[in-house]
Amino acid sequence: MLLSHGGEPSPTGGPVARWSVEQVLALAPDDASRKAGTRLGAAGPWTGTGRDATGGVVWGLCRGSGSTPYRTVVDTTGPAYSCSCPSRKFPCKHALGLLLLRASDAAAFRPGEPADWASAWIEGRRGRAAERARASSGGDTARRPADPAAARKRAERRAERVTDGARELEQRLADLLRGGLAATDRSGYGLWEETAARMVDAQAPGLASRVRELGAITGSGPGWPVRLLEECGLLHLLDTAWLGRERLPEPLAATVRTRVGLPMSAEGAPVRDHWLVLAQYDTPDGKIVTRRIWLYGRDSGRTALLLSFGAAGRSPAQALPVGATVDAELTPYPGGGQLRAELGEQFGVTAPAGPPPGIAAADAPAAYGTALTEDPWLDGCPVTLRDVIPVPSKDGWQVADAHADSALPIAPAALSRPGLWKLVALSGGGPVTVFGEIGHRGFDPFAAWDPGEREEDGRTTGGAVVQLV
C-alpha cells in the first residue's frame, strides 16, 4: 500500500481519542485483511513504534518476509494511511495491525518526534491540506466549470437524450402491460437487458438500473407478478416525474434528477457538528464497490450518509471508525429528503459516545411514510430504535418493543448475515438500542449498542457500539 489519502488532518492540537479494537476491525476492507491485521496486532513484529503529542498519528516498523521492515504510519484524524508494502488495499494489514496494537497496548507507543520517513508523510499531508484551504478561500470558484455556457449546453443535450429515453421506456412499459406481466417469464432476461442498454445509451443510468431490477423479479418465486407490477408502477412514476419536472417543486425535481442518474454535487451550506459514526458497510454494485457511512449530528439532530466508491478490486478509500464522534463539516446534496452529504474539513475525533435518541418500534413505519412523501422511490430510511428485543417469529425474526405490544419484522436481507446472531447475543433477551433502515421489506439492523447500565426507570444507557453489517 503506497499511500491512501483520507480526510483532512485535524488542525487542532487537542488530544485524540484512542480507537477500540471493534472500531479498528470495522475499517478492514475485507475478511482476509481483518484476519491478517489481527495477527499483526501484537508487539512481536513491531519496532520503532511511536505517536505524536495528541495521539492522532502513530507509526511503526513491521517485520515482513524480506530484510527491510515495512514503514507504516496512520493519521487517525483523517483517517489516512501510508505503508511501504505493495498491497492495494486501504487500509492494509500492517495499518490495521498497528492500530490494533495501539488499541490493546497504549504503552507500546511513546510520545515523541516521528521518524524521518513518517515525518515526511505527515508534513506532506499538512502541506496539501493548507494548499486546498488556500484554494477554497476564494469561494466556490474552483468548483465552477471553466466555460459555464458550454457546460450548460452539455447539460441541455444530455437532458434531451434522457427525455427521449424516458419516452421510449414509457412505450415499452405500456407494451409490457398490454401483453400481460405473466408473459414476461417466457421472454427471458434478454428483454430487460436490451431495454437497460437503451437507457444507458440515453445517459440515464438510474433508469437502466431499475430496468435490470425488473428482470431479476421475473420468475423469482410465488407472487412475482405482483412485485413486478409494483416496481413497474414506481418506474412509471419516475418516468412521468422526469417528463414533467418543470412543474415539480425544486427539492422533488432534484430528487428526480438524482434517481434518473444525473450527476449532482454537494451545494448546500456546510453544517459543522459532532458527528457520531453509526455504521459503515460495503455493497457490491456491478463492477464497483459502494461504501456507506451513516452519521448522526449530536447538536443538529440530523442523520447524514457519506458515499464513496472503489473499483478494480480496490476498496473505497474513505473510512471512519464506527462509534467515534467526529467534529467536522458536512455539505449536503440537493433533493427532497436527501441525506447524502460530502465530508469537509475535520477538526478532530472525540471520545466515543452513547447512541443517538431513539424512537419506539411502533413509530418507525410513520417515519418511513414521511420520508416517502419527499422521495417516493426510497427503499428505506434510517431510524434508531430504543428498547427493542430481537425475538424469533413465524417467518424469521423481529424486533419487539420491550414496553409495548408492537414489533417490526427483520428484513430478509439481514436474516442470513452473522450480524443477526451478534444482535441476539448482545441482547441476551433484554432491550437494546439498534440503528438501521426501516422499509417496505422490514427493519434492517446495521449497529447496536451494548445495553450498559440499567437506569431507575427501567431504560438502559448504551455502551460500546457493535457493528452488525
Protein backbone atom coordinates (compact mmCIF):
# COMPACT_ATOMS: atom_id res chain seq x y z
CA MET A 1 0.00 0.00 0.00
CA LEU A 2 1.85 3.06 -1.21
CA LEU A 3 -0.45 5.80 0.01
CA SER A 4 -4.07 6.47 0.87
CA HIS A 5 -5.42 9.96 1.22
CA GLY A 6 -8.16 10.13 3.82
CA GLY A 7 -9.86 13.19 5.26
CA GLU A 8 -8.19 16.40 6.25
CA PRO A 9 -5.69 16.28 9.11
CA SER A 10 -7.05 17.84 12.26
CA PRO A 11 -5.95 21.45 12.72
CA THR A 12 -6.48 21.24 16.45
CA GLY A 13 -3.77 20.36 18.90
CA GLY A 14 -6.03 18.67 21.42
CA PRO A 15 -5.84 15.02 22.38
CA VAL A 16 -7.40 12.49 20.01
CA ALA A 17 -9.47 9.60 21.34
CA ARG A 18 -7.89 6.15 21.04
CA TRP A 19 -9.89 3.73 18.91
CA SER A 20 -11.22 0.45 20.24
CA VAL A 21 -10.49 -2.95 18.70
CA GLU A 22 -14.06 -3.10 17.34
CA GLN A 23 -13.64 0.28 15.65
CA VAL A 24 -10.35 -0.72 14.05
CA LEU A 25 -11.72 -4.01 12.71
CA ALA A 26 -14.67 -2.14 11.18
CA LEU A 27 -12.18 -0.32 8.92
CA ALA A 28 -10.91 -3.54 7.32
CA PRO A 29 -11.72 -3.71 3.59
CA ASP A 30 -12.48 -7.46 3.74
CA ASP A 31 -12.36 -10.53 5.98
CA ALA A 32 -8.89 -11.54 4.76
CA SER A 33 -7.45 -8.17 5.77
CA ARG A 34 -9.25 -8.36 9.09
CA LYS A 35 -7.70 -11.74 9.91
CA ALA A 36 -4.23 -10.75 8.68
CA GLY A 37 -4.36 -7.49 10.61
CA THR A 38 -5.38 -9.30 13.79
CA ARG A 39 -2.26 -11.47 13.55
CA LEU A 40 -0.14 -8.30 13.41
CA GLY A 41 -1.92 -6.68 16.36
CA ALA A 42 0.68 -7.84 18.89
CA ALA A 43 4.02 -6.28 19.79
CA GLY A 44 6.09 -9.14 18.31
CA PRO A 45 6.52 -7.94 14.69
CA TRP A 46 6.75 -4.23 15.55
CA THR A 47 9.72 -1.98 16.32
CA GLY A 48 10.17 1.78 16.42
CA THR A 49 6.56 2.45 17.36
CA GLY A 50 5.55 5.91 18.49
CA ARG A 51 2.91 8.60 18.44
CA ASP A 52 2.67 12.36 18.32
CA ALA A 53 1.71 14.52 21.29
CA THR A 54 -2.03 14.35 20.52
CA GLY A 55 -2.10 10.61 19.88
CA GLY A 56 -3.68 11.21 16.48
CA VAL A 57 -0.69 9.99 14.44
CA VAL A 58 1.01 6.65 15.09
CA TRP A 59 3.87 4.95 13.29
CA GLY A 60 5.98 1.82 13.41
CA LEU A 61 8.18 -0.67 11.53
CA CYS A 62 6.63 -4.08 10.84
CA ARG A 63 8.82 -7.11 10.19
CA GLY A 64 7.89 -8.89 6.96
CA SER A 65 9.27 -11.70 4.85
CA GLY A 66 12.06 -9.51 3.44
CA SER A 67 15.08 -7.95 5.10
CA THR A 68 13.57 -4.46 5.16
CA PRO A 69 10.64 -3.85 7.52
CA TYR A 70 7.52 -2.13 6.24
CA ARG A 71 7.18 1.52 7.20
CA THR A 72 3.64 2.17 8.42
CA VAL A 73 2.09 5.43 9.58
CA VAL A 74 -1.57 6.25 10.30
CA ASP A 75 -3.24 9.62 10.87
CA THR A 76 -6.43 8.75 12.76
CA THR A 77 -7.89 12.25 12.37
CA GLY A 78 -8.39 11.62 8.63
CA PRO A 79 -8.16 8.78 8.77
CA ALA A 80 -5.33 8.25 6.29
CA TYR A 81 -2.70 5.54 5.92
CA SER A 82 0.76 5.10 4.42
CA CYS A 83 2.72 1.88 4.18
CA SER A 84 5.69 0.78 2.09
CA CYS A 85 4.12 -2.64 1.41
CA PRO A 86 2.84 -3.42 -2.12
CA SER A 87 -0.77 -4.02 -1.04
CA ARG A 88 -3.52 -2.16 -2.89
CA LYS A 89 -5.99 -2.47 -0.02
CA PHE A 90 -6.81 0.51 2.17
CA PRO A 91 -6.06 0.16 4.98
CA CYS A 92 -3.58 -2.68 4.51
CA LYS A 93 -2.99 -5.40 7.10
CA HIS A 94 0.02 -3.53 8.52
CA ALA A 95 -2.00 -0.37 9.15
CA LEU A 96 -4.72 -2.47 10.78
CA GLY A 97 -2.15 -4.29 12.91
CA LEU A 98 -0.59 -1.01 14.05
CA LEU A 99 -4.00 0.36 15.07
CA LEU A 100 -4.93 -2.89 16.84
CA LEU A 101 -1.68 -2.75 18.80
CA ARG A 102 -2.47 0.84 19.74
CA ALA A 103 -5.98 -0.17 20.85
CA SER A 104 -4.77 -3.03 23.06
CA ASP A 105 -1.42 -1.70 24.33
CA ALA A 106 -1.19 2.08 24.56
CA ALA A 107 2.13 1.83 26.43
CA ALA A 108 3.80 0.46 23.29
CA PHE A 109 3.56 3.94 21.71
CA ARG A 110 5.72 6.53 23.39
CA PRO A 111 5.06 10.18 22.52
CA GLY A 112 7.84 11.92 20.63
CA GLU A 113 9.11 13.20 17.32
CA PRO A 114 8.32 10.90 14.40
CA ALA A 115 10.98 9.16 12.38
CA ASP A 116 12.18 10.94 9.24
CA TRP A 117 10.12 8.75 6.89
CA ALA A 118 6.97 9.27 8.97
CA SER A 119 7.63 12.99 9.39
CA ALA A 120 7.90 13.47 5.61
CA TRP A 121 4.47 11.91 5.06
CA ILE A 122 2.86 13.90 7.91
CA GLU A 123 4.28 17.21 6.68
CA GLY A 124 3.18 16.38 3.14
CA ARG A 125 -0.40 15.88 4.30
CA ARG A 126 -0.38 19.14 6.20
CA GLY A 127 1.02 20.98 3.19
CA ARG A 128 -1.62 19.60 0.85
CA ALA A 129 -4.36 20.50 3.34
CA ALA A 130 -3.04 24.06 3.53
CA GLU A 131 -2.98 24.33 -0.28
CA ARG A 132 -6.58 23.15 -0.50
CA ALA A 133 -7.59 25.64 2.18
CA ARG A 134 -5.97 28.48 0.23
CA ALA A 135 -7.62 27.32 -3.00
CA SER A 136 -11.05 27.29 -1.41
CA SER A 137 -10.65 30.62 0.39
CA GLY A 138 -11.79 32.47 -2.72
CA GLY A 139 -15.28 30.89 -2.52
CA ASP A 140 -16.74 28.36 -4.95
CA THR A 141 -14.62 29.45 -7.93
CA ALA A 142 -12.73 26.15 -8.01
CA ARG A 143 -15.99 24.21 -8.34
CA ARG A 144 -17.32 26.23 -11.25
CA PRO A 145 -16.72 24.95 -14.80
CA ALA A 146 -14.17 26.78 -16.93
CA ASP A 147 -16.85 27.58 -19.53
CA PRO A 148 -20.32 27.87 -17.93
CA ALA A 149 -22.05 28.35 -21.28
CA ALA A 150 -20.54 25.16 -22.73
CA ALA A 151 -21.39 23.25 -19.55
CA ARG A 152 -24.99 24.44 -19.77
CA LYS A 153 -25.26 23.29 -23.39
CA ARG A 154 -23.86 19.86 -22.49
CA ALA A 155 -26.40 19.55 -19.68
CA GLU A 156 -29.22 20.52 -22.04
CA ARG A 157 -28.15 17.95 -24.64
CA ARG A 158 -28.00 15.25 -22.01
CA ALA A 159 -31.43 16.20 -20.67
CA GLU A 160 -32.82 15.85 -24.19
CA ARG A 161 -31.34 12.36 -24.53
CA VAL A 162 -32.75 11.36 -21.13
CA THR A 163 -36.16 12.67 -22.17
CA ASP A 164 -36.07 10.58 -25.37
CA GLY A 165 -35.10 7.54 -23.30
CA ALA A 166 -37.90 8.14 -20.79
CA ARG A 167 -40.47 8.36 -23.58
CA GLU A 168 -39.21 5.14 -25.13
CA LEU A 169 -39.33 3.43 -21.74
CA GLU A 170 -42.92 4.57 -21.23
CA GLN A 171 -43.86 2.96 -24.54
CA ARG A 172 -42.12 -0.27 -23.59
CA LEU A 173 -43.91 -0.36 -20.23
CA ALA A 174 -47.24 0.16 -21.98
CA ASP A 175 -46.47 -2.71 -24.38
CA LEU A 176 -45.47 -4.87 -21.42
CA LEU A 177 -48.74 -4.30 -19.59
CA ARG A 178 -50.78 -4.73 -22.77
CA GLY A 179 -49.26 -8.17 -23.33
CA GLY A 180 -49.66 -9.21 -19.68
CA LEU A 181 -46.97 -9.45 -16.99
CA ALA A 182 -47.17 -13.24 -16.82
CA ALA A 183 -45.86 -13.41 -20.40
CA THR A 184 -42.54 -11.83 -19.39
CA ASP A 185 -41.50 -15.14 -17.83
CA ARG A 186 -41.23 -16.60 -21.33
CA SER A 187 -39.23 -13.71 -22.77
CA GLY A 188 -36.14 -14.30 -20.66
CA TYR A 189 -33.70 -11.73 -19.27
CA GLY A 190 -32.63 -10.54 -22.72
CA LEU A 191 -35.72 -8.33 -22.99
CA TRP A 192 -34.76 -6.42 -19.85
CA GLU A 193 -31.06 -6.20 -20.68
CA GLU A 194 -31.81 -4.79 -24.14
CA THR A 195 -34.11 -2.16 -22.59
CA ALA A 196 -31.49 -1.30 -19.96
CA ALA A 197 -28.88 -0.87 -22.70
CA ARG A 198 -31.18 1.61 -24.43
CA MET A 199 -31.38 3.62 -21.19
CA VAL A 200 -27.58 3.59 -20.91
CA ASP A 201 -27.42 4.98 -24.45
CA ALA A 202 -29.83 7.70 -23.30
CA GLN A 203 -27.39 8.57 -20.47
CA ALA A 204 -29.93 7.61 -17.82
CA PRO A 205 -28.08 5.04 -15.65
CA GLY A 206 -30.68 5.31 -12.91
CA LEU A 207 -33.43 4.16 -15.28
CA ALA A 208 -31.18 1.38 -16.59
CA SER A 209 -30.54 0.09 -13.08
CA ARG A 210 -34.26 -0.05 -12.30
CA VAL A 211 -34.98 -1.92 -15.54
CA ARG A 212 -32.39 -4.55 -14.61
CA GLU A 213 -34.08 -4.91 -11.23
CA LEU A 214 -37.35 -5.68 -13.05
CA GLY A 215 -35.63 -8.51 -14.88
CA ALA A 216 -34.47 -10.00 -11.58
CA ILE A 217 -38.06 -10.09 -10.27
CA THR A 218 -39.48 -12.14 -13.17
CA GLY A 219 -39.94 -15.76 -12.11
CA SER A 220 -38.33 -15.09 -8.72
CA GLY A 221 -40.89 -17.03 -6.68
CA PRO A 222 -44.54 -17.04 -5.65
CA GLY A 223 -46.23 -13.69 -6.16
CA TRP A 224 -43.62 -12.29 -8.54
CA PRO A 225 -46.19 -10.72 -10.93
CA VAL A 226 -47.47 -8.57 -8.05
CA ARG A 227 -43.96 -7.44 -7.16
CA LEU A 228 -43.22 -6.77 -10.83
CA LEU A 229 -46.35 -4.65 -11.14
CA GLU A 230 -45.35 -2.61 -8.07
CA GLU A 231 -41.89 -1.90 -9.44
CA CYS A 232 -43.29 -1.08 -12.90
CA GLY A 233 -45.55 1.46 -11.19
CA LEU A 234 -42.59 3.11 -9.46
CA LEU A 235 -40.64 3.19 -12.72
CA HIS A 236 -43.62 4.75 -14.49
CA LEU A 237 -43.82 7.35 -11.70
CA LEU A 238 -40.14 8.21 -12.18
CA ASP A 239 -40.59 8.48 -15.94
CA THR A 240 -43.56 10.83 -15.69
CA ALA A 241 -41.83 12.86 -12.98
CA TRP A 242 -38.85 13.43 -15.28
CA LEU A 243 -41.07 14.36 -18.22
CA GLY A 244 -42.94 16.88 -16.03
CA ARG A 245 -40.01 18.01 -13.88
CA GLU A 246 -40.55 21.71 -14.73
CA ARG A 247 -43.82 21.61 -12.76
CA LEU A 248 -42.30 19.99 -9.66
CA PRO A 249 -41.04 21.79 -6.54
CA GLU A 250 -37.28 22.18 -6.76
CA PRO A 251 -36.43 19.73 -3.92
CA LEU A 252 -38.52 16.99 -5.59
CA ALA A 253 -37.13 17.89 -9.03
CA ALA A 254 -33.59 17.49 -7.64
CA THR A 255 -34.55 14.09 -6.25
CA VAL A 256 -35.88 13.05 -9.68
CA ARG A 257 -32.64 14.13 -11.35
CA THR A 258 -30.68 12.07 -8.85
CA ARG A 259 -32.89 8.99 -9.30
CA VAL A 260 -32.61 9.19 -13.09
CA GLY A 261 -28.84 9.18 -12.74
CA LEU A 262 -27.72 12.74 -13.45
CA PRO A 263 -24.56 13.76 -11.58
CA MET A 264 -25.13 16.07 -8.62
CA SER A 265 -22.71 17.97 -6.43
CA ALA A 266 -22.88 18.97 -2.79
CA GLU A 267 -24.12 22.55 -2.86
CA GLY A 268 -25.80 23.17 0.49
CA ALA A 269 -24.49 25.25 3.36
CA PRO A 270 -21.84 23.34 5.37
CA VAL A 271 -23.08 22.02 8.70
CA ARG A 272 -20.50 21.72 11.47
CA ASP A 273 -21.42 19.28 14.18
CA HIS A 274 -20.10 16.47 16.33
CA TRP A 275 -20.99 13.56 14.07
CA LEU A 276 -21.43 10.14 15.63
CA VAL A 277 -20.36 7.37 13.22
CA LEU A 278 -23.32 4.97 13.34
CA ALA A 279 -22.38 2.33 10.76
CA GLN A 280 -20.08 1.61 7.84
CA TYR A 281 -20.50 -1.16 5.28
CA ASP A 282 -19.69 -2.04 1.66
CA THR A 283 -22.06 -3.36 -1.01
CA PRO A 284 -21.10 -4.62 -4.50
CA ASP A 285 -22.70 -2.67 -7.33
CA GLY A 286 -21.67 -4.23 -10.62
CA LYS A 287 -18.00 -3.51 -11.22
CA ILE A 288 -17.67 -1.11 -8.29
CA VAL A 289 -17.99 -1.32 -4.53
CA THR A 290 -20.09 1.29 -2.74
CA ARG A 291 -19.23 2.19 0.85
CA ARG A 292 -21.95 3.74 3.01
CA ILE A 293 -21.13 5.58 6.22
CA TRP A 294 -24.05 6.73 8.39
CA LEU A 295 -23.57 9.71 10.71
CA TYR A 296 -25.70 11.43 13.34
CA GLY A 297 -25.20 15.07 14.36
CA ARG A 298 -25.23 15.41 18.13
CA ASP A 299 -26.17 19.09 18.04
CA SER A 300 -28.30 19.35 14.89
CA GLY A 301 -30.10 16.01 15.27
CA ARG A 302 -29.52 15.34 11.55
CA THR A 303 -28.73 11.96 10.01
CA ALA A 304 -26.31 12.01 7.07
CA LEU A 305 -24.96 9.47 4.59
CA LEU A 306 -21.45 9.51 3.11
CA LEU A 307 -20.91 7.56 -0.11
CA SER A 308 -17.56 6.52 -1.56
CA PHE A 309 -16.66 4.09 -4.32
CA GLY A 310 -13.92 1.62 -5.17
CA ALA A 311 -13.16 -0.10 -8.46
CA ALA A 312 -10.85 -2.71 -9.96
CA GLY A 313 -10.55 -4.71 -6.75
CA ARG A 314 -9.78 -1.70 -4.57
CA SER A 315 -11.86 -0.89 -1.54
CA PRO A 316 -13.15 2.70 -1.14
CA ALA A 317 -10.59 4.96 0.50
CA GLN A 318 -12.95 6.84 2.82
CA ALA A 319 -13.32 5.17 6.21
CA LEU A 320 -14.35 6.32 9.69
CA PRO A 321 -14.26 4.34 12.94
CA VAL A 322 -17.73 3.18 13.94
CA GLY A 323 -18.70 4.55 17.34
CA ALA A 324 -16.35 7.54 17.21
CA THR A 325 -17.55 11.14 17.20
CA VAL A 326 -16.01 13.35 14.51
CA ASP A 327 -16.00 17.14 14.79
CA ALA A 328 -16.40 18.05 11.13
CA GLU A 329 -18.30 19.97 8.47
CA LEU A 330 -20.70 18.19 6.11
CA THR A 331 -22.06 19.72 2.90
CA PRO A 332 -25.47 18.27 1.95
CA TYR A 333 -26.53 17.27 -1.55
CA PRO A 334 -29.70 18.80 -3.06
CA GLY A 335 -33.03 16.98 -3.16
CA GLY A 336 -36.10 16.44 -1.04
CA GLY A 337 -35.36 14.03 1.78
CA GLN A 338 -31.81 13.52 0.54
CA LEU A 339 -29.48 12.51 3.38
CA ARG A 340 -26.32 12.25 1.34
CA ALA A 341 -23.57 14.70 2.23
CA GLU A 342 -19.91 15.34 1.50
CA LEU A 343 -17.33 15.25 4.26
CA GLY A 344 -15.48 18.54 4.51
CA GLU A 345 -12.97 19.90 6.99
CA GLN A 346 -12.40 17.83 10.10
CA PHE A 347 -11.46 19.38 13.41
CA GLY A 348 -10.73 16.24 15.44
CA VAL A 349 -12.07 12.93 16.70
CA THR A 350 -13.51 12.87 20.21
CA ALA A 351 -14.19 10.05 22.62
CA PRO A 352 -16.91 7.52 21.75
CA ALA A 353 -20.38 8.41 22.99
CA GLY A 354 -23.63 6.57 23.51
CA PRO A 355 -26.35 6.03 20.91
CA PRO A 356 -28.49 8.81 19.46
CA PRO A 357 -32.01 9.39 20.76
CA GLY A 358 -34.23 6.59 19.53
CA ILE A 359 -37.90 6.09 18.74
CA ALA A 360 -40.30 3.31 19.62
CA ALA A 361 -40.74 0.45 17.16
CA ALA A 362 -44.36 1.47 16.58
CA ASP A 363 -43.25 4.90 15.31
CA ALA A 364 -40.81 3.57 12.70
CA PRO A 365 -43.36 2.93 9.88
CA ALA A 366 -44.63 6.51 10.22
CA ALA A 367 -41.06 7.79 9.86
CA TYR A 368 -40.70 5.78 6.64
CA GLY A 369 -44.03 7.12 5.39
CA THR A 370 -42.93 10.70 5.97
CA ALA A 371 -39.69 10.04 4.07
CA LEU A 372 -41.68 8.64 1.13
CA THR A 373 -43.53 11.93 0.74
CA GLU A 374 -40.18 13.55 -0.10
CA ASP A 375 -38.72 10.63 -2.10
CA PRO A 376 -41.32 8.11 -3.38
CA TRP A 377 -38.58 5.76 -4.64
CA LEU A 378 -36.93 5.34 -1.25
CA ASP A 379 -36.37 1.70 -0.25
CA GLY A 380 -35.72 2.56 3.39
CA CYS A 381 -34.95 5.38 5.80
CA PRO A 382 -32.58 5.39 8.78
CA VAL A 383 -34.03 5.07 12.28
CA THR A 384 -32.70 4.32 15.74
CA LEU A 385 -34.97 2.02 17.74
CA ARG A 386 -34.76 2.17 21.52
CA ASP A 387 -35.52 -0.65 23.94
CA VAL A 388 -36.22 -3.42 21.44
CA ILE A 389 -35.63 -7.16 21.81
CA PRO A 390 -34.82 -9.49 18.90
CA VAL A 391 -37.17 -12.48 19.05
CA PRO A 392 -37.98 -15.29 16.60
CA SER A 393 -41.22 -15.13 14.64
CA LYS A 394 -43.16 -17.45 12.39
CA ASP A 395 -41.33 -16.34 9.23
CA GLY A 396 -37.95 -15.38 10.68
CA TRP A 397 -37.07 -12.76 13.31
CA GLN A 398 -38.48 -9.49 14.54
CA VAL A 399 -37.55 -6.70 16.96
CA ALA A 400 -40.21 -6.30 19.61
CA ASP A 401 -40.77 -3.23 21.76
CA ALA A 402 -39.87 -4.01 25.37
CA HIS A 403 -42.55 -1.64 26.71
CA ALA A 404 -45.42 -2.02 24.24
CA ASP A 405 -47.25 -4.60 22.17
CA SER A 406 -45.57 -3.82 18.84
CA ALA A 407 -42.84 -5.36 16.69
CA LEU A 408 -41.13 -4.95 13.33
CA PRO A 409 -40.09 -7.86 11.09
CA ILE A 410 -36.39 -8.04 10.34
CA ALA A 411 -35.75 -7.63 6.61
CA PRO A 412 -34.95 -10.82 4.67
CA ALA A 413 -31.52 -9.46 3.66
CA ALA A 414 -30.46 -9.44 7.33
CA LEU A 415 -31.60 -12.96 8.16
CA SER A 416 -28.58 -14.60 6.53
CA ARG A 417 -25.95 -12.25 7.96
CA PRO A 418 -23.85 -13.12 11.04
CA GLY A 419 -24.83 -9.74 12.46
CA LEU A 420 -28.27 -11.09 13.38
CA TRP A 421 -26.69 -13.51 15.83
CA LYS A 422 -24.47 -10.74 17.19
CA LEU A 423 -27.63 -8.77 17.91
CA VAL A 424 -29.29 -11.74 19.61
CA ALA A 425 -26.20 -12.39 21.74
CA LEU A 426 -25.83 -8.72 22.64
CA SER A 427 -29.46 -8.53 23.73
CA GLY A 428 -29.45 -11.74 25.74
CA GLY A 429 -33.22 -11.44 25.94
CA GLY A 430 -33.07 -7.84 27.18
CA PRO A 431 -33.72 -4.48 25.48
CA VAL A 432 -31.07 -2.85 23.31
CA THR A 433 -30.78 0.23 21.10
CA VAL A 434 -30.43 -0.58 17.39
CA PHE A 435 -29.71 1.58 14.35
CA GLY A 436 -30.79 0.51 10.87
CA GLU A 437 -33.14 1.15 7.99
CA ILE A 438 -36.91 0.69 8.02
CA GLY A 439 -38.52 -0.02 4.65
CA HIS A 440 -41.29 -1.95 2.95
CA ARG A 441 -39.37 -5.21 3.50
CA GLY A 442 -38.94 -4.66 7.24
CA PHE A 443 -36.17 -3.43 9.52
CA ASP A 444 -32.52 -3.97 8.52
CA PRO A 445 -30.20 -3.61 11.57
CA PHE A 446 -26.76 -2.06 11.00
CA ALA A 447 -25.42 -1.41 14.51
CA ALA A 448 -26.41 -1.92 18.14
CA TRP A 449 -25.19 -0.62 21.48
CA ASP A 450 -24.22 -2.68 24.45
CA PRO A 451 -27.07 -2.33 26.98
CA GLY A 452 -24.73 -0.92 29.61
CA GLU A 453 -26.18 0.10 32.95
CA ARG A 454 -29.91 -0.01 33.65
CA GLU A 455 -31.47 3.24 34.86
CA GLU A 456 -34.05 3.59 37.62
CA ASP A 457 -36.95 3.89 35.16
CA GLY A 458 -36.03 0.57 33.55
CA ARG A 459 -34.39 2.03 30.45
CA THR A 460 -30.79 1.33 29.57
CA THR A 461 -27.82 3.53 28.82
CA GLY A 462 -25.94 2.42 25.71
CA GLY A 463 -22.34 1.33 25.97
CA ALA A 464 -19.97 0.33 23.15
CA VAL A 465 -21.34 0.06 19.64
CA VAL A 466 -21.33 -3.29 17.82
CA GLN A 467 -21.29 -3.36 14.01
CA LEU A 468 -23.89 -5.75 12.53
CA VAL A 469 -23.06 -5.49 8.80
